[in-house]
Every structure is written in C-alpha cells, then in structure tokens.
Amino acid sequence: ILCCGRPNPILQIFYLGCVFGGYYYFCENAFALIPGPGAAAYHKYSSPAAVLCGLLVFYLTSFSDPGFVTPANASRYTLEYPYDGRLYVGPKHCETCKISRPARSKHCRICNRCVGRFDHHCAWMNNCIGEMNLRFFLAFLLVHVLLCT
C-alpha cells in the first residue's frame, strides 16, 4: 500500500492491533477456563509463547533486508545465480537502479529497489520478500497457521 508515493505501515499497525486486541480478549474471556475440556494446563504457558513467536517472526520479516541488490553486491548475486540461457535469459539491466540485474532478481516498484530472488512485496510486512527474509516469512505463515488451528 502506498501513501504519498512511499510504503505505508497502516497494515502493520492493523496487524499489531489485531494481535494485541485478540490476545487481550483471549486473556479476559478464555484464560480462566484453562485447564478445562479441550485445553490442558500447558496452554496457559504455550499461548503467550506462540503469540511472542508470531510477533518475533513478524518483526524479523518486516525489518530485515530482503536481499537488496546494489552495485556493491551485484557481482555476488550474479555468481550465485547465473543466467542459464533457458529460463533466465540475460544479462538484464535495471534502468531505475542503474545496475546489471542478476538472474532471479526483480525491481520492486514499491520499494524502488532491486531484490535478489524477489518473491513479492508484502503489504502486511511493508517489505519485499526475497532471498534474505523468505525463511522468516515462511515461519510467519507457519506460526499463524498453527495459531489458527
């Protein structure tokens, strides 16, 4: 989501509001029922740990470098991900960043930077998902799938 031509943290704030509001509601209404039918005593300790784990991977995904390609590190990405001539035909040049773009990299129009092994720009994270933070993003998805089950 763009605001004034730059990435906007409104969805991050909304996510944090949902997490803290939902956990507050859980503590007010359901915490007294633990232990009970369908909820063992360890749920009193595992629920805060799960929420903290979710917040940790949210933070790591949102504020870590996704693998921005700069003139200083473009050669490393080119060696690591060479053009194969079949799927990745190159070399390509990014007119905006003024660099020779390595294979599997794309220019993010929201961040206005090239990202190595670019997956997508996640509005919820307010950050690109690329080579360096993909594992945090997948952990974020896994934690939230487990929280919802």
Protein backbone atom coordinates (compact mmCIF):
# COMPACT_ATOMS: atom_id res chain seq x y z
CA ILE A 1 0.00 0.00 0.00
CA LEU A 2 1.39 3.36 -0.99
CA CYS A 3 0.77 6.65 0.74
CA CYS A 4 2.38 9.78 -0.65
CA GLY A 5 4.44 7.63 -3.03
CA ARG A 6 6.10 5.62 -0.24
CA PRO A 7 5.34 2.35 1.58
CA ASN A 8 2.76 2.81 4.30
CA PRO A 9 2.79 0.95 7.65
CA ILE A 10 -1.01 1.04 8.12
CA LEU A 11 -1.41 -2.72 7.64
CA GLN A 12 1.41 -3.40 10.10
CA ILE A 13 -0.38 -1.27 12.68
CA PHE A 14 -3.67 -3.05 11.90
CA TYR A 15 -1.97 -6.46 12.30
CA LEU A 16 -0.47 -5.48 15.66
CA GLY A 17 -3.85 -4.14 16.80
CA CYS A 18 -5.48 -7.45 15.86
CA VAL A 19 -2.82 -9.48 17.67
CA PHE A 20 -2.84 -7.44 20.86
CA GLY A 21 -6.62 -6.97 20.82
CA GLY A 22 -7.23 -10.65 20.15
CA TYR A 23 -4.81 -11.76 22.83
CA TYR A 24 -6.34 -9.33 25.34
CA TYR A 25 -9.78 -10.74 24.52
CA PHE A 26 -8.43 -14.27 24.93
CA CYS A 27 -6.90 -13.44 28.33
CA GLU A 28 -10.07 -11.74 29.57
CA ASN A 29 -12.51 -14.43 28.45
CA ALA A 30 -10.74 -17.75 27.98
CA PHE A 31 -7.72 -17.74 30.27
CA ALA A 32 -9.86 -18.52 33.33
CA LEU A 33 -11.21 -21.64 31.59
CA ILE A 34 -7.74 -23.22 31.31
CA PRO A 35 -7.37 -26.07 32.29
CA GLY A 36 -10.68 -27.38 31.12
CA PRO A 37 -12.26 -29.59 28.49
CA GLY A 38 -10.19 -29.31 25.32
CA ALA A 39 -7.47 -27.16 26.90
CA ALA A 40 -4.71 -28.60 29.04
CA ALA A 41 -2.87 -26.67 31.72
CA TYR A 42 0.15 -26.13 29.47
CA HIS A 43 -1.96 -23.86 27.24
CA LYS A 44 -1.55 -21.09 29.84
CA TYR A 45 2.16 -21.08 29.02
CA SER A 46 2.14 -22.07 25.36
CA SER A 47 -0.28 -19.36 24.24
CA PRO A 48 1.93 -16.41 25.26
CA ALA A 49 4.94 -18.21 23.76
CA ALA A 50 3.09 -18.73 20.48
CA VAL A 51 2.00 -15.09 20.29
CA LEU A 52 5.53 -13.89 21.09
CA CYS A 53 6.92 -16.23 18.43
CA GLY A 54 4.45 -14.78 15.92
CA LEU A 55 5.47 -11.24 16.82
CA LEU A 56 9.16 -12.15 16.58
CA VAL A 57 8.91 -13.55 13.04
CA PHE A 58 6.69 -10.59 12.09
CA TYR A 59 9.42 -8.23 13.28
CA LEU A 60 12.19 -10.20 11.55
CA THR A 61 10.29 -10.32 8.27
CA SER A 62 9.26 -6.67 8.35
CA PHE A 63 12.57 -5.12 9.27
CA SER A 64 15.17 -7.43 7.75
CA ASP A 65 16.93 -6.84 4.46
CA PRO A 66 15.20 -8.95 1.78
CA GLY A 67 18.39 -9.04 -0.27
CA PHE A 68 18.53 -5.67 -1.97
CA VAL A 69 20.85 -5.74 -4.97
CA THR A 70 23.28 -2.82 -5.01
CA PRO A 71 26.24 -2.04 -7.26
CA ALA A 72 28.48 -3.30 -4.44
CA ASN A 73 26.90 -6.77 -4.20
CA ALA A 74 25.53 -7.32 -7.73
CA SER A 75 28.55 -9.41 -8.72
CA ARG A 76 28.00 -11.76 -5.77
CA TYR A 77 24.38 -12.31 -6.83
CA THR A 78 25.45 -12.84 -10.45
CA LEU A 79 27.91 -15.55 -9.38
CA GLU A 80 25.41 -17.15 -7.03
CA TYR A 81 22.52 -17.12 -9.53
CA PRO A 82 23.93 -17.26 -13.06
CA TYR A 83 21.81 -16.88 -16.17
CA ASP A 84 21.03 -20.34 -17.53
CA GLY A 85 20.03 -19.26 -21.02
CA ARG A 86 16.72 -21.14 -20.81
CA LEU A 87 14.54 -19.83 -18.04
CA TYR A 88 16.70 -16.85 -17.18
CA VAL A 89 17.97 -15.20 -20.34
CA GLY A 90 20.25 -12.29 -19.72
CA PRO A 91 22.05 -10.26 -18.80
CA LYS A 92 19.39 -7.72 -17.88
CA HIS A 93 19.89 -4.11 -16.88
CA CYS A 94 17.74 -2.22 -14.39
CA GLU A 95 17.21 1.28 -15.74
CA THR A 96 15.99 2.60 -12.39
CA CYS A 97 18.83 1.28 -10.20
CA LYS A 98 21.45 1.59 -12.98
CA ILE A 99 22.85 -1.89 -12.30
CA SER A 100 23.21 -5.12 -14.21
CA ARG A 101 20.41 -7.18 -12.70
CA PRO A 102 21.32 -10.76 -11.70
CA ALA A 103 19.10 -13.71 -12.66
CA ARG A 104 16.05 -14.25 -10.45
CA SER A 105 16.04 -10.63 -9.31
CA LYS A 106 13.33 -8.09 -9.95
CA HIS A 107 12.84 -4.40 -9.37
CA CYS A 108 10.18 -3.67 -6.74
CA ARG A 109 8.19 -0.65 -7.83
CA ILE A 110 7.00 -0.01 -4.26
CA CYS A 111 10.43 -0.07 -2.56
CA ASN A 112 12.08 1.26 -5.74
CA ARG A 113 14.99 -1.17 -5.38
CA CYS A 114 16.13 -4.41 -6.99
CA VAL A 115 15.73 -7.52 -4.84
CA GLY A 116 17.63 -10.80 -5.24
CA ARG A 117 15.34 -13.84 -5.66
CA PHE A 118 12.37 -11.48 -5.46
CA ASP A 119 9.14 -13.23 -4.44
CA HIS A 120 6.70 -10.38 -3.83
CA HIS A 121 6.17 -7.14 -1.95
CA CYS A 122 4.06 -7.94 1.08
CA ALA A 123 1.83 -5.06 2.16
CA TRP A 124 1.30 -6.69 5.58
CA MET A 125 5.05 -6.72 6.19
CA ASN A 126 5.60 -3.39 4.42
CA ASN A 127 8.68 -5.01 2.93
CA CYS A 128 9.78 -7.08 -0.03
CA ILE A 129 10.06 -10.83 0.39
CA GLY A 130 13.30 -12.01 -1.16
CA GLU A 131 16.31 -14.23 -0.66
CA MET A 132 17.33 -12.97 2.78
CA ASN A 133 13.95 -12.88 4.55
CA LEU A 134 11.96 -15.63 2.82
CA ARG A 135 12.62 -18.07 5.68
CA PHE A 136 11.25 -15.54 8.21
CA PHE A 137 8.15 -15.02 6.04
CA LEU A 138 7.53 -18.77 5.78
CA ALA A 139 7.99 -19.09 9.55
CA PHE A 140 5.47 -16.25 9.99
CA LEU A 141 2.94 -18.11 7.84
CA LEU A 142 3.56 -21.40 9.67
CA VAL A 143 3.20 -19.83 13.13
CA HIS A 144 -0.07 -18.21 12.15
CA VAL A 145 -1.43 -21.40 10.61
CA LEU A 146 -0.60 -23.18 13.89
CA LEU A 147 -2.18 -20.37 15.93
CA CYS A 148 -5.40 -20.67 13.92
CA THR A 149 -5.71 -24.45 14.31
